[in-house]
Structures are given as C-alpha cells and as structure tokens.
Amino acid sequence: MLKEILKIIYSSGYFSNRDLAKQLNVTEEVIIDGINQLINMGYLKREAKKDMCPTSCTRCPYVQSCNKDIVETYQITEKGMSVI
C-alpha cells in the first residue's frame, strides 16, 4: 500500500487525501496513516508551509474546491524515489 501511495503522489504531482483514498479504495484515515509512515521511514518529507500556494490557482487541479487555505506540500526523497 505504501508503495502505491508513493507512486500515485509521484505520477499525479498533486493529490488530496480523499482522492487518494478513492483510488486505493480505503479510508482517508488509512491514507493519512500511510503518509505519516512514509515520512517516518524517510521516503517522503513534509515541506515547510509558505505564505503562498506552490502553484498559481489557474494551474492547480483543485481550484474549484479550494478554500484558498495554504495546502500542505510533500516531497518524495531520494530514498523514496529509489522505491518507485
């Protein structure tokens, strides 16, 4: 499951816990736990929140559902890339 989460994050670039849960047919809680495990294992790292979103709204796939709050962003580490 963790490898699948990494692969989807890598291929999509942007994701929501809800969409990821639907794709993998699990609950959002399972996705959140999986992301936390990937962080603890060093495959994924949480990026520092910035004052602005990392992309412009017009290019963001979540523009229709966004409430303009700053989103959490993650980066796949070199260790994570070796698994993919």
Protein backbone atom coordinates (compact mmCIF):
# COMPACT_ATOMS: atom_id res chain seq x y z
CA MET A 1 0.00 0.00 0.00
CA LEU A 2 2.77 2.47 0.91
CA LYS A 3 4.50 1.94 -2.43
CA GLU A 4 1.20 2.57 -4.24
CA ILE A 5 0.72 5.82 -2.32
CA LEU A 6 4.22 6.94 -3.33
CA LYS A 7 3.63 6.02 -6.97
CA ILE A 8 0.38 7.98 -7.13
CA ILE A 9 1.93 11.02 -5.46
CA TYR A 10 4.82 10.87 -7.92
CA SER A 11 2.67 10.46 -11.02
CA SER A 12 -0.03 12.99 -10.12
CA GLY A 13 2.08 15.76 -8.62
CA TYR A 14 -0.95 16.99 -6.64
CA PHE A 15 -3.29 14.90 -4.56
CA SER A 16 -5.93 15.10 -1.91
CA ASN A 17 -6.38 12.50 0.79
CA ARG A 18 -9.95 11.98 -0.37
CA ASP A 19 -8.99 11.33 -4.00
CA LEU A 20 -6.12 9.07 -2.99
CA ALA A 21 -8.44 7.09 -0.70
CA LYS A 22 -10.94 6.64 -3.53
CA GLN A 23 -8.23 5.48 -5.93
CA LEU A 24 -6.97 2.89 -3.47
CA ASN A 25 -10.42 2.00 -2.11
CA VAL A 26 -9.51 2.77 1.51
CA THR A 27 -10.48 5.40 4.06
CA GLU A 28 -8.84 8.80 4.37
CA GLU A 29 -7.52 7.73 7.77
CA VAL A 30 -5.58 4.91 6.10
CA ILE A 31 -4.07 7.43 3.66
CA ILE A 32 -3.11 9.84 6.45
CA ASP A 33 -1.51 6.98 8.38
CA GLY A 34 0.31 5.83 5.24
CA ILE A 35 1.67 9.32 4.56
CA ASN A 36 2.86 9.59 8.16
CA GLN A 37 4.57 6.20 7.86
CA LEU A 38 6.27 7.28 4.62
CA ILE A 39 7.53 10.41 6.38
CA ASN A 40 8.81 8.40 9.37
CA MET A 41 10.56 5.96 7.03
CA GLY A 42 12.26 8.81 5.18
CA TYR A 43 10.53 8.25 1.81
CA LEU A 44 8.51 11.44 1.94
CA LYS A 45 9.11 14.76 3.63
CA ARG A 46 6.72 17.47 4.61
CA GLU A 47 7.75 20.83 3.20
CA ALA A 48 7.57 23.97 5.26
CA LYS A 49 4.40 25.94 4.76
CA LYS A 50 4.87 29.06 2.74
CA ASP A 51 2.89 32.25 2.55
CA MET A 52 1.51 31.26 -0.83
CA CYS A 53 0.49 28.07 -2.60
CA PRO A 54 3.31 26.44 -4.55
CA THR A 55 1.38 26.91 -7.80
CA SER A 56 -0.88 29.51 -9.32
CA CYS A 57 -4.58 28.89 -8.91
CA THR A 58 -5.20 28.70 -12.64
CA ARG A 59 -2.86 25.70 -12.96
CA CYS A 60 -4.00 23.95 -9.79
CA PRO A 61 -6.25 20.91 -10.32
CA TYR A 62 -8.11 21.73 -7.08
CA VAL A 63 -9.04 25.32 -7.91
CA GLN A 64 -12.78 24.52 -7.93
CA SER A 65 -12.78 23.03 -4.43
CA CYS A 66 -10.03 25.06 -2.79
CA ASN A 67 -10.90 27.35 0.07
CA LYS A 68 -7.64 29.24 -0.52
CA ASP A 69 -6.05 27.95 2.68
CA ILE A 70 -2.38 27.14 2.39
CA VAL A 71 -2.03 23.49 1.49
CA GLU A 72 0.45 21.08 2.98
CA THR A 73 3.05 20.01 0.47
CA TYR A 74 5.26 16.97 0.41
CA GLN A 75 8.37 16.00 -1.46
CA ILE A 76 9.48 12.49 -2.33
CA THR A 77 13.01 11.99 -1.03
CA GLU A 78 15.85 10.25 -2.87
CA LYS A 79 15.15 7.20 -0.73
CA GLY A 80 11.51 7.33 -1.83
CA MET A 81 12.49 7.71 -5.48
CA SER A 82 14.60 4.55 -5.26
CA VAL A 83 11.49 2.63 -4.20
CA ILE A 84 9.45 3.95 -7.12
